[in-house]
Amino acid sequence: MALPPLYALRAFEAAARLGSFSKAAAMLNVTPGAVSRHIRTLESWFECELFRRNGPRVEVTDAGRVLAEQLTEGFQSLERACYAFRGNSRELRLKAPSTLTMRWLLDVLNAFREQYSTPKIEISSVWMDTDTVDFSREPYDCAILLGNGHFGPGAESSVLFKEWLVPVCTPAQVEQAQKDIFSCELIHPSPDRRDWRRWLKRTGKFGQLNTARGKVFDTLEQGNLAAISGHGISVGDLLLSMEAIKNGLLALPFNEAVATGDSYWLVWPKGTPRRKNISLLYDWLKEAVPYETSAGIDYLN
């Protein structure tokens, strides 16, 4: 079966995805008129309307939306195939959570670059409510994710280090927290306030502490920054807060850290041609993990 022109399919997919002929034209470096002609070519070929025109405004039809979704997947598959074939020894595209990136990963990758000229690590630091990656749709070769090690049937993973949660605050607030935590302002580093609840439940301390109050943020990094600024007591990942504690920016009002059951993992798609470079990166990351004993955490003593 003959196929419609590839350039017409590309123009249509871009216009449908961007919702604009002019934006598609700018992306493809052609004129809006050329995009319009390509789409009319497809409409003639498929014998159906792909866009509704209303003066300068256009809207993709239901039929066009179905076609666009399949074309987007197809073009992404082509991009991944070409990327893998072009040379799998030169670079790795890495997805990582924002707190981990700022508190640990950037320094580790800088040291990696000093040691190895290749592969070049291209990092995307993103906020994730739930740490996930879809290698079939997202442009990454590997990812560092917080979880239980189960990231889908198409993924492989190796653990880096466990998550340990502990309250953190400025050194000036330690005494008040130890004397009367009920009078202290709480900082929640996640919108569902789960971190304080997990710490309280697993330590058995301060059972009447009202976790419904306090300031709410999206990430552990934001919680740490708010605590450093003196806005209250947050819950931080001890290993990722270690540098701030050593530098005197944060302190531990209570030495009980709790393991959440989750860990940070390096994750990659099964069958990737970049397995050798991913193994090299994993070995480097594992060597750079903050100190952790088999019995728990070294509390900076």
C-alpha atoms as a PDB file:
ATOM      1  CA  MET A   1       0.000   0.000   0.000  1.00  0.00           C
ATOM      2  CA  ALA A   2       1.348   3.402  -0.987  1.00  0.00           C
ATOM      3  CA  LEU A   3       1.925   5.927   1.772  1.00  0.00           C
ATOM      4  CA  PRO A   4       1.146   9.648   1.689  1.00  0.00           C
ATOM      5  CA  PRO A   5       4.153  12.007   1.472  1.00  0.00           C
ATOM      6  CA  LEU A   6       6.299  11.924   4.621  1.00  0.00           C
ATOM      7  CA  TYR A   7       6.774  15.702   4.631  1.00  0.00           C
ATOM      8  CA  ALA A   8       2.989  16.146   4.618  1.00  0.00           C
ATOM      9  CA  LEU A   9       2.597  13.757   7.540  1.00  0.00           C
ATOM     10  CA  ARG A  10       5.323  15.635   9.437  1.00  0.00           C
ATOM     11  CA  ALA A  11       3.644  18.996   8.808  1.00  0.00           C
ATOM     12  CA  PHE A  12       0.265  17.676   9.916  1.00  0.00           C
ATOM     13  CA  GLU A  13       1.662  16.065  13.107  1.00  0.00           C
ATOM     14  CA  ALA A  14       3.422  19.287  14.096  1.00  0.00           C
ATOM     15  CA  ALA A  15       0.335  21.419  13.416  1.00  0.00           C
ATOM     16  CA  ALA A  16      -1.923  19.079  15.389  1.00  0.00           C
ATOM     17  CA  ARG A  17       0.502  18.846  18.311  1.00  0.00           C
ATOM     18  CA  LEU A  18       1.115  22.606  18.452  1.00  0.00           C
ATOM     19  CA  GLY A  19      -2.447  23.605  17.573  1.00  0.00           C
ATOM     20  CA  SER A  20      -1.242  26.124  15.013  1.00  0.00           C
ATOM     21  CA  PHE A  21      -0.172  26.192  11.370  1.00  0.00           C
ATOM     22  CA  SER A  22       2.177  29.114  12.030  1.00  0.00           C
ATOM     23  CA  LYS A  23       3.892  27.414  14.976  1.00  0.00           C
ATOM     24  CA  ALA A  24       4.315  24.263  12.928  1.00  0.00           C
ATOM     25  CA  ALA A  25       5.753  26.311  10.072  1.00  0.00           C
ATOM     26  CA  ALA A  26       8.262  27.966  12.382  1.00  0.00           C
ATOM     27  CA  MET A  27       9.342  24.601  13.790  1.00  0.00           C
ATOM     28  CA  LEU A  28       9.758  23.081  10.321  1.00  0.00           C
ATOM     29  CA  ASN A  29      11.298  26.235   8.810  1.00  0.00           C
ATOM     30  CA  VAL A  30       8.631  26.554   6.105  1.00  0.00           C
ATOM     31  CA  THR A  31       5.773  29.001   5.509  1.00  0.00           C
ATOM     32  CA  PRO A  32       2.307  28.612   7.050  1.00  0.00           C
ATOM     33  CA  GLY A  33       0.982  28.367   3.511  1.00  0.00           C
ATOM     34  CA  ALA A  34       3.197  25.342   2.874  1.00  0.00           C
ATOM     35  CA  VAL A  35       1.876  23.663   6.029  1.00  0.00           C
ATOM     36  CA  SER A  36      -1.686  24.351   4.912  1.00  0.00           C
ATOM     37  CA  ARG A  37      -1.009  22.839   1.472  1.00  0.00           C
ATOM     38  CA  HIS A  38       0.576  19.741   3.006  1.00  0.00           C
ATOM     39  CA  ILE A  39      -2.459  19.211   5.201  1.00  0.00           C
ATOM     40  CA  ARG A  40      -4.839  19.624   2.242  1.00  0.00           C
ATOM     41  CA  THR A  41      -2.787  17.008   0.434  1.00  0.00           C
ATOM     42  CA  LEU A  42      -3.389  14.602   3.319  1.00  0.00           C
ATOM     43  CA  GLU A  43      -7.084  15.429   3.517  1.00  0.00           C
ATOM     44  CA  SER A  44      -7.386  14.586  -0.153  1.00  0.00           C
ATOM     45  CA  TRP A  45      -5.366  11.398   0.288  1.00  0.00           C
ATOM     46  CA  PHE A  46      -7.385  10.213   3.336  1.00  0.00           C
ATOM     47  CA  GLU A  47     -10.668  11.647   1.964  1.00  0.00           C
ATOM     48  CA  CYS A  48     -11.568  13.199   5.312  1.00  0.00           C
ATOM     49  CA  GLU A  49     -11.254  16.540   7.091  1.00  0.00           C
ATOM     50  CA  LEU A  50      -8.293  16.731   9.474  1.00  0.00           C
ATOM     51  CA  PHE A  51      -8.700  20.378  10.525  1.00  0.00           C
ATOM     52  CA  ARG A  52     -11.703  22.680  10.808  1.00  0.00           C
ATOM     53  CA  ARG A  53     -10.918  26.160   9.497  1.00  0.00           C
ATOM     54  CA  ASN A  54     -12.583  29.205  10.979  1.00  0.00           C
ATOM     55  CA  GLY A  55     -10.812  32.180   9.453  1.00  0.00           C
ATOM     56  CA  PRO A  56      -7.294  32.324  10.903  1.00  0.00           C
ATOM     57  CA  ARG A  57      -8.225  29.790  13.592  1.00  0.00           C
ATOM     58  CA  VAL A  58      -7.882  26.040  13.083  1.00  0.00           C
ATOM     59  CA  GLU A  59      -8.998  23.091  15.181  1.00  0.00           C
ATOM     60  CA  VAL A  60      -8.064  19.468  14.690  1.00  0.00           C
ATOM     61  CA  THR A  61     -11.004  17.125  14.070  1.00  0.00           C
ATOM     62  CA  ASP A  62     -11.632  13.878  15.953  1.00  0.00           C
ATOM     63  CA  ALA A  63     -10.283  11.909  12.996  1.00  0.00           C
ATOM     64  CA  GLY A  64      -7.264  14.191  12.833  1.00  0.00           C
ATOM     65  CA  ARG A  65      -6.603  13.740  16.538  1.00  0.00           C
ATOM     66  CA  VAL A  66      -6.515   9.948  16.190  1.00  0.00           C
ATOM     67  CA  LEU A  67      -4.102  10.197  13.266  1.00  0.00           C
ATOM     68  CA  ALA A  68      -1.922  12.763  15.039  1.00  0.00           C
ATOM     69  CA  GLU A  69      -1.518  10.598  18.157  1.00  0.00           C
ATOM     70  CA  GLN A  70      -0.352   7.636  16.083  1.00  0.00           C
ATOM     71  CA  LEU A  71       1.982   9.797  14.014  1.00  0.00           C
ATOM     72  CA  THR A  72       3.521  11.325  17.143  1.00  0.00           C
ATOM     73  CA  GLU A  73       4.307   7.850  18.460  1.00  0.00           C
ATOM     74  CA  GLY A  74       5.707   6.855  15.077  1.00  0.00           C
ATOM     75  CA  PHE A  75       7.973   9.883  14.754  1.00  0.00           C
ATOM     76  CA  GLN A  76       9.202   9.403  18.330  1.00  0.00           C
ATOM     77  CA  SER A  77      10.065   5.789  17.488  1.00  0.00           C
ATOM     78  CA  LEU A  78      11.977   6.940  14.416  1.00  0.00           C
ATOM     79  CA  GLU A  79      13.813   9.548  16.479  1.00  0.00           C
ATOM     80  CA  ARG A  80      14.821   6.983  19.100  1.00  0.00           C
ATOM     81  CA  ALA A  81      15.987   4.522  16.436  1.00  0.00           C
ATOM     82  CA  CYS A  82      18.099   7.153  14.682  1.00  0.00           C
ATOM     83  CA  TYR A  83      19.470   8.416  17.992  1.00  0.00           C
ATOM     84  CA  ALA A  84      20.530   4.911  19.041  1.00  0.00           C
ATOM     85  CA  PHE A  85      22.123   4.182  15.667  1.00  0.00           C
ATOM     86  CA  ARG A  86      23.906   7.535  15.414  1.00  0.00           C
ATOM     87  CA  GLY A  87      26.384   6.585  18.109  1.00  0.00           C
ATOM     88  CA  ASN A  88      25.642   5.084  21.482  1.00  0.00           C
ATOM     89  CA  SER A  89      29.038   5.840  22.991  1.00  0.00           C
ATOM     90  CA  ARG A  90      28.928   9.627  23.057  1.00  0.00           C
ATOM     91  CA  GLU A  91      26.129  10.668  25.415  1.00  0.00           C
ATOM     92  CA  LEU A  92      23.515   9.626  27.950  1.00  0.00           C
ATOM     93  CA  ARG A  93      20.281  11.487  28.597  1.00  0.00           C
ATOM     94  CA  LEU A  94      19.467  11.264  32.303  1.00  0.00           C
ATOM     95  CA  LYS A  95      16.256  12.173  34.117  1.00  0.00           C
ATOM     96  CA  ALA A  96      16.509  12.876  37.854  1.00  0.00           C
ATOM     97  CA  PRO A  97      14.444  14.390  40.706  1.00  0.00           C
ATOM     98  CA  SER A  98      15.153  18.024  41.506  1.00  0.00           C
ATOM     99  CA  THR A  99      16.165  17.592  45.177  1.00  0.00           C
ATOM    100  CA  LEU A 100      18.575  14.760  44.411  1.00  0.00           C
ATOM    101  CA  THR A 101      20.060  16.808  41.579  1.00  0.00           C
ATOM    102  CA  MET A 102      20.663  19.943  43.605  1.00  0.00           C
ATOM    103  CA  ARG A 103      21.843  18.244  46.817  1.00  0.00           C
ATOM    104  CA  TRP A 104      24.053  15.506  45.371  1.00  0.00           C
ATOM    105  CA  LEU A 105      23.959  14.679  41.674  1.00  0.00           C
ATOM    106  CA  LEU A 106      25.390  17.870  40.125  1.00  0.00           C
ATOM    107  CA  ASP A 107      28.646  17.604  42.082  1.00  0.00           C
ATOM    108  CA  VAL A 108      28.919  13.888  41.328  1.00  0.00           C
ATOM    109  CA  LEU A 109      28.415  14.446  37.591  1.00  0.00           C
ATOM    110  CA  ASN A 110      30.967  17.266  37.546  1.00  0.00           C
ATOM    111  CA  ALA A 111      33.525  14.846  38.954  1.00  0.00           C
ATOM    112  CA  PHE A 112      32.450  12.230  36.387  1.00  0.00           C
ATOM    113  CA  ARG A 113      33.070  14.690  33.539  1.00  0.00           C
ATOM    114  CA  GLU A 114      36.560  15.402  34.853  1.00  0.00           C
ATOM    115  CA  GLN A 115      37.337  11.682  34.779  1.00  0.00           C
ATOM    116  CA  TYR A 116      35.599  10.673  31.526  1.00  0.00           C
ATOM    117  CA  SER A 117      35.295  12.626  28.276  1.00  0.00           C
ATOM    118  CA  THR A 118      32.555  10.232  27.136  1.00  0.00           C
ATOM    119  CA  PRO A 119      29.779   9.579  27.592  1.00  0.00           C
ATOM    120  CA  LYS A 120      28.512  13.135  27.931  1.00  0.00           C
ATOM    121  CA  ILE A 121      25.729  13.199  30.522  1.00  0.00           C
ATOM    122  CA  GLU A 122      22.780  15.396  29.550  1.00  0.00           C
ATOM    123  CA  ILE A 123      20.722  15.793  32.725  1.00  0.00           C
ATOM    124  CA  SER A 124      17.105  16.912  32.973  1.00  0.00           C
ATOM    125  CA  SER A 125      16.152  17.750  36.543  1.00  0.00           C
ATOM    126  CA  VAL A 126      12.377  17.610  36.928  1.00  0.00           C
ATOM    127  CA  TRP A 127       9.783  17.725  39.664  1.00  0.00           C
ATOM    128  CA  MET A 128       7.874  14.455  39.919  1.00  0.00           C
ATOM    129  CA  ASP A 129       4.937  13.925  42.249  1.00  0.00           C
ATOM    130  CA  THR A 130       5.500  10.199  41.728  1.00  0.00           C
ATOM    131  CA  ASP A 131       8.890   9.199  40.382  1.00  0.00           C
ATOM    132  CA  THR A 132       8.232   7.557  37.018  1.00  0.00           C
ATOM    133  CA  VAL A 133       9.723   7.346  33.549  1.00  0.00           C
ATOM    134  CA  ASP A 134       8.230   6.107  30.264  1.00  0.00           C
ATOM    135  CA  PHE A 135      11.158   5.330  28.002  1.00  0.00           C
ATOM    136  CA  SER A 136       8.797   4.741  25.069  1.00  0.00           C
ATOM    137  CA  ARG A 137       7.602   8.343  25.222  1.00  0.00           C
ATOM    138  CA  GLU A 138      10.222  10.349  27.138  1.00  0.00           C
ATOM    139  CA  PRO A 139      13.603  11.226  25.572  1.00  0.00           C
ATOM    140  CA  TYR A 140      15.817   9.613  28.214  1.00  0.00           C
ATOM    141  CA  ASP A 141      18.324   6.773  28.215  1.00  0.00           C
ATOM    142  CA  CYS A 142      18.192   6.297  31.980  1.00  0.00           C
ATOM    143  CA  ALA A 143      16.717   7.870  35.097  1.00  0.00           C
ATOM    144  CA  ILE A 144      17.271   8.109  38.826  1.00  0.00           C
ATOM    145  CA  LEU A 145      13.977   7.461  40.584  1.00  0.00           C
ATOM    146  CA  LEU A 146      12.780   7.123  44.166  1.00  0.00           C
ATOM    147  CA  GLY A 147      10.738   3.982  44.669  1.00  0.00           C
ATOM    148  CA  ASN A 148      10.621   0.321  45.612  1.00  0.00           C
ATOM    149  CA  GLY A 149      12.553  -0.964  42.594  1.00  0.00           C
ATOM    150  CA  HIS A 150       9.516  -1.869  40.496  1.00  0.00           C
ATOM    151  CA  PHE A 151       9.378   0.524  37.547  1.00  0.00           C
ATOM    152  CA  GLY A 152       7.476  -1.516  34.980  1.00  0.00           C
ATOM    153  CA  PRO A 153       8.119  -4.646  32.915  1.00  0.00           C
ATOM    154  CA  GLY A 154      10.192  -2.794  30.326  1.00  0.00           C
ATOM    155  CA  ALA A 155      12.711  -1.400  32.808  1.00  0.00           C
ATOM    156  CA  GLU A 156      15.774  -2.653  34.655  1.00  0.00           C
ATOM    157  CA  SER A 157      17.203  -0.991  37.762  1.00  0.00           C
ATOM    158  CA  SER A 158      19.955  -1.078  40.371  1.00  0.00           C
ATOM    159  CA  VAL A 159      19.739   0.496  43.809  1.00  0.00           C
ATOM    160  CA  LEU A 160      21.896   3.490  44.762  1.00  0.00           C
ATOM    161  CA  PHE A 161      20.927   4.254  48.367  1.00  0.00           C
ATOM    162  CA  LYS A 162      17.991   4.122  50.782  1.00  0.00           C
ATOM    163  CA  GLU A 163      15.818   7.075  51.748  1.00  0.00           C
ATOM    164  CA  TRP A 164      16.106   8.058  55.433  1.00  0.00           C
ATOM    165  CA  LEU A 165      13.890  10.837  56.798  1.00  0.00           C
ATOM    166  CA  VAL A 166      14.720  13.011  59.793  1.00  0.00           C
ATOM    167  CA  PRO A 167      13.548  16.417  61.089  1.00  0.00           C
ATOM    168  CA  VAL A 168      15.861  19.321  60.221  1.00  0.00           C
ATOM    169  CA  CYS A 169      15.980  22.966  61.266  1.00  0.00           C
ATOM    170  CA  THR A 170      18.484  25.742  61.857  1.00  0.00           C
ATOM    171  CA  PRO A 171      20.902  25.246  64.788  1.00  0.00           C
ATOM    172  CA  ALA A 172      19.205  28.180  66.525  1.00  0.00           C
ATOM    173  CA  GLN A 173      15.860  26.334  66.592  1.00  0.00           C
ATOM    174  CA  VAL A 174      17.127  23.009  67.940  1.00  0.00           C
ATOM    175  CA  GLU A 175      16.609  23.853  71.619  1.00  0.00           C
ATOM    176  CA  GLN A 176      13.042  25.063  71.091  1.00  0.00           C
ATOM    177  CA  ALA A 177      12.184  21.952  69.069  1.00  0.00           C
ATOM    178  CA  GLN A 178      13.569  19.658  71.745  1.00  0.00           C
ATOM    179  CA  LYS A 179      11.745  21.465  74.551  1.00  0.00           C
ATOM    180  CA  ASP A 180       8.381  21.985  72.847  1.00  0.00           C
ATOM    181  CA  ILE A 181       7.935  20.810  69.268  1.00  0.00           C
ATOM    182  CA  PHE A 182       4.195  21.526  69.542  1.00  0.00           C
ATOM    183  CA  SER A 183       4.939  25.263  69.523  1.00  0.00           C
ATOM    184  CA  CYS A 184       7.165  25.032  66.440  1.00  0.00           C
ATOM    185  CA  GLU A 185       6.083  25.785  62.904  1.00  0.00           C
ATOM    186  CA  LEU A 186       6.057  22.620  60.785  1.00  0.00           C
ATOM    187  CA  ILE A 187       7.299  22.560  57.204  1.00  0.00           C
ATOM    188  CA  HIS A 188       5.870  19.886  54.915  1.00  0.00           C
ATOM    189  CA  PRO A 189       8.112  19.109  51.895  1.00  0.00           C
ATOM    190  CA  SER A 190       5.295  17.336  50.040  1.00  0.00           C
ATOM    191  CA  PRO A 191       1.697  18.440  49.383  1.00  0.00           C
ATOM    192  CA  ASP A 192       0.232  15.318  51.022  1.00  0.00           C
ATOM    193  CA  ARG A 193       2.239  15.963  54.230  1.00  0.00           C
ATOM    194  CA  ARG A 194       3.293  12.297  54.226  1.00  0.00           C
ATOM    195  CA  ASP A 195       6.859  12.829  55.455  1.00  0.00           C
ATOM    196  CA  TRP A 196       5.996  14.118  58.912  1.00  0.00           C
ATOM    197  CA  ARG A 197       3.341  11.401  59.294  1.00  0.00           C
ATOM    198  CA  ARG A 198       5.826   8.660  58.360  1.00  0.00           C
ATOM    199  CA  TRP A 199       8.465   9.960  60.749  1.00  0.00           C
ATOM    200  CA  LEU A 200       6.010  10.294  63.648  1.00  0.00           C
ATOM    201  CA  LYS A 201       4.505   6.846  63.080  1.00  0.00           C
ATOM    202  CA  ARG A 202       7.813   4.998  62.824  1.00  0.00           C
ATOM    203  CA  THR A 203       9.486   6.715  65.774  1.00  0.00           C
ATOM    204  CA  GLY A 204       6.403   6.671  68.001  1.00  0.00           C
ATOM    205  CA  LYS A 205       7.216  10.214  69.155  1.00  0.00           C
ATOM    206  CA  PHE A 206       4.854  13.176  69.656  1.00  0.00           C
ATOM    207  CA  GLY A 207       1.661  11.254  68.926  1.00  0.00           C
ATOM    208  CA  GLN A 208      -0.545  14.329  69.361  1.00  0.00           C
ATOM    209  CA  LEU A 209       1.417  16.539  66.962  1.00  0.00           C
ATOM    210  CA  ASN A 210      -1.016  18.159  64.531  1.00  0.00           C
ATOM    211  CA  THR A 211       0.362  17.555  61.033  1.00  0.00           C
ATOM    212  CA  ALA A 212      -2.587  19.369  59.454  1.00  0.00           C
ATOM    213  CA  ARG A 213      -0.918  22.680  60.254  1.00  0.00           C
ATOM    214  CA  GLY A 214       2.205  24.236  58.823  1.00  0.00           C
ATOM    215  CA  LYS A 215       3.697  25.390  55.526  1.00  0.00           C
ATOM    216  CA  VAL A 216       3.426  23.088  52.513  1.00  0.00           C
ATOM    217  CA  PHE A 217       5.939  22.769  49.656  1.00  0.00           C
ATOM    218  CA  ASP A 218       6.407  20.511  46.643  1.00  0.00           C
ATOM    219  CA  THR A 219       9.877  19.065  47.250  1.00  0.00           C
ATOM    220  CA  LEU A 220      12.376  18.136  49.936  1.00  0.00           C
ATOM    221  CA  GLU A 221      14.691  20.774  48.495  1.00  0.00           C
ATOM    222  CA  GLN A 222      12.088  23.516  49.053  1.00  0.00           C
ATOM    223  CA  GLY A 223      11.467  22.217  52.558  1.00  0.00           C
ATOM    224  CA  ASN A 224      15.183  22.318  53.336  1.00  0.00           C
ATOM    225  CA  LEU A 225      15.534  25.853  51.974  1.00  0.00           C
ATOM    226  CA  ALA A 226      12.585  27.032  54.078  1.00  0.00           C
ATOM    227  CA  ALA A 227      14.153  25.431  57.154  1.00  0.00           C
ATOM    228  CA  ILE A 228      17.537  27.010  56.405  1.00  0.00           C
ATOM    229  CA  SER A 229      15.770  30.389  56.237  1.00  0.00           C
ATOM    230  CA  GLY A 230      14.381  29.819  59.729  1.00  0.00           C
ATOM    231  CA  HIS A 231      10.729  29.283  58.804  1.00  0.00           C
ATOM    232  CA  GLY A 232      10.273  26.144  60.872  1.00  0.00           C
ATOM    233  CA  ILE A 233      11.156  22.466  61.170  1.00  0.00           C
ATOM    234  CA  SER A 234      11.066  20.354  58.030  1.00  0.00           C
ATOM    235  CA  VAL A 235      11.613  16.680  57.317  1.00  0.00           C
ATOM    236  CA  GLY A 236      14.615  16.023  55.091  1.00  0.00           C
ATOM    237  CA  ASP A 237      16.374  13.094  53.501  1.00  0.00           C
ATOM    238  CA  LEU A 238      19.337  12.745  55.871  1.00  0.00           C
ATOM    239  CA  LEU A 239      21.816  11.683  53.206  1.00  0.00           C
ATOM    240  CA  LEU A 240      20.814  14.519  50.878  1.00  0.00           C
ATOM    241  CA  SER A 241      20.859  17.013  53.763  1.00  0.00           C
ATOM    242  CA  MET A 242      24.291  15.899  54.970  1.00  0.00           C
ATOM    243  CA  GLU A 243      26.271  18.716  53.358  1.00  0.00           C
ATOM    244  CA  ALA A 244      23.993  21.420  54.804  1.00  0.00           C
ATOM    245  CA  ILE A 245      24.277  19.792  58.233  1.00  0.00           C
ATOM    246  CA  LYS A 246      28.070  19.618  58.058  1.00  0.00           C
ATOM    247  CA  ASN A 247      28.182  23.289  56.993  1.00  0.00           C
ATOM    248  CA  GLY A 248      26.035  24.368  59.948  1.00  0.00           C
ATOM    249  CA  LEU A 249      23.078  25.465  57.814  1.00  0.00           C
ATOM    250  CA  LEU A 250      20.860  22.719  59.208  1.00  0.00           C
ATOM    251  CA  ALA A 251      20.864  20.691  62.420  1.00  0.00           C
ATOM    252  CA  LEU A 252      19.108  17.603  63.773  1.00  0.00           C
ATOM    253  CA  PRO A 253      16.810  18.341  66.727  1.00  0.00           C
ATOM    254  CA  PHE A 254      16.170  14.575  66.989  1.00  0.00           C
ATOM    255  CA  ASN A 255      18.609  11.823  66.007  1.00  0.00           C
ATOM    256  CA  GLU A 256      15.974   9.266  65.036  1.00  0.00           C
ATOM    257  CA  ALA A 257      16.039   8.767  61.265  1.00  0.00           C
ATOM    258  CA  VAL A 258      13.527   6.385  59.703  1.00  0.00           C
ATOM    259  CA  ALA A 259      13.878   4.284  56.574  1.00  0.00           C
ATOM    260  CA  THR A 260      10.813   4.800  54.411  1.00  0.00           C
ATOM    261  CA  GLY A 261      11.207   1.550  52.514  1.00  0.00           C
ATOM    262  CA  ASP A 262      11.981   3.459  49.321  1.00  0.00           C
ATOM    263  CA  SER A 263      15.400   3.899  47.736  1.00  0.00           C
ATOM    264  CA  TYR A 264      16.976   5.848  44.906  1.00  0.00           C
ATOM    265  CA  TRP A 265      17.503   3.628  41.850  1.00  0.00           C
ATOM    266  CA  LEU A 266      19.211   4.016  38.504  1.00  0.00           C
ATOM    267  CA  VAL A 267      16.675   2.823  35.930  1.00  0.00           C
ATOM    268  CA  TRP A 268      17.081   2.065  32.209  1.00  0.00           C
ATOM    269  CA  PRO A 269      15.080   0.330  29.450  1.00  0.00           C
ATOM    270  CA  LYS A 270      15.645  -3.357  28.795  1.00  0.00           C
ATOM    271  CA  GLY A 271      17.733  -4.077  25.737  1.00  0.00           C
ATOM    272  CA  THR A 272      19.231  -0.599  25.532  1.00  0.00           C
ATOM    273  CA  PRO A 273      22.333  -0.290  23.323  1.00  0.00           C
ATOM    274  CA  ARG A 274      23.730   2.086  25.961  1.00  0.00           C
ATOM    275  CA  ARG A 275      24.054  -0.584  28.635  1.00  0.00           C
ATOM    276  CA  LYS A 276      27.863  -0.293  28.817  1.00  0.00           C
ATOM    277  CA  ASN A 277      27.760   3.461  29.450  1.00  0.00           C
ATOM    278  CA  ILE A 278      24.908   3.105  31.920  1.00  0.00           C
ATOM    279  CA  SER A 279      26.971   0.557  33.863  1.00  0.00           C
ATOM    280  CA  LEU A 280      29.895   2.996  33.898  1.00  0.00           C
ATOM    281  CA  LEU A 281      27.640   5.747  35.227  1.00  0.00           C
ATOM    282  CA  TYR A 282      26.093   3.462  37.838  1.00  0.00           C
ATOM    283  CA  ASP A 283      29.481   2.387  39.189  1.00  0.00           C
ATOM    284  CA  TRP A 284      30.496   6.050  39.527  1.00  0.00           C
ATOM    285  CA  LEU A 285      27.249   7.043  41.240  1.00  0.00           C
ATOM    286  CA  LYS A 286      27.415   4.101  43.634  1.00  0.00           C
ATOM    287  CA  GLU A 287      30.953   5.022  44.667  1.00  0.00           C
ATOM    288  CA  ALA A 288      29.809   8.602  45.352  1.00  0.00           C
ATOM    289  CA  VAL A 289      26.891   7.647  47.612  1.00  0.00           C
ATOM    290  CA  PRO A 290      27.013   9.399  51.017  1.00  0.00           C
ATOM    291  CA  TYR A 291      28.188   7.157  53.831  1.00  0.00           C
ATOM    292  CA  GLU A 292      25.646   4.588  54.952  1.00  0.00           C
ATOM    293  CA  THR A 293      26.269   1.720  57.387  1.00  0.00           C
ATOM    294  CA  SER A 294      24.559  -1.650  57.255  1.00  0.00           C
ATOM    295  CA  ALA A 295      22.864  -0.886  60.561  1.00  0.00           C
ATOM    296  CA  GLY A 296      21.548   2.526  59.564  1.00  0.00           C
ATOM    297  CA  ILE A 297      23.056   5.994  59.302  1.00  0.00           C
ATOM    298  CA  ASP A 298      26.203   7.606  60.620  1.00  0.00           C
ATOM    299  CA  TYR A 299      24.747  10.643  62.420  1.00  0.00           C
ATOM    300  CA  LEU A 300      27.797  12.817  61.886  1.00  0.00           C
ATOM    301  CA  ASN A 301      29.284  11.806  65.203  1.00  0.00           C
END
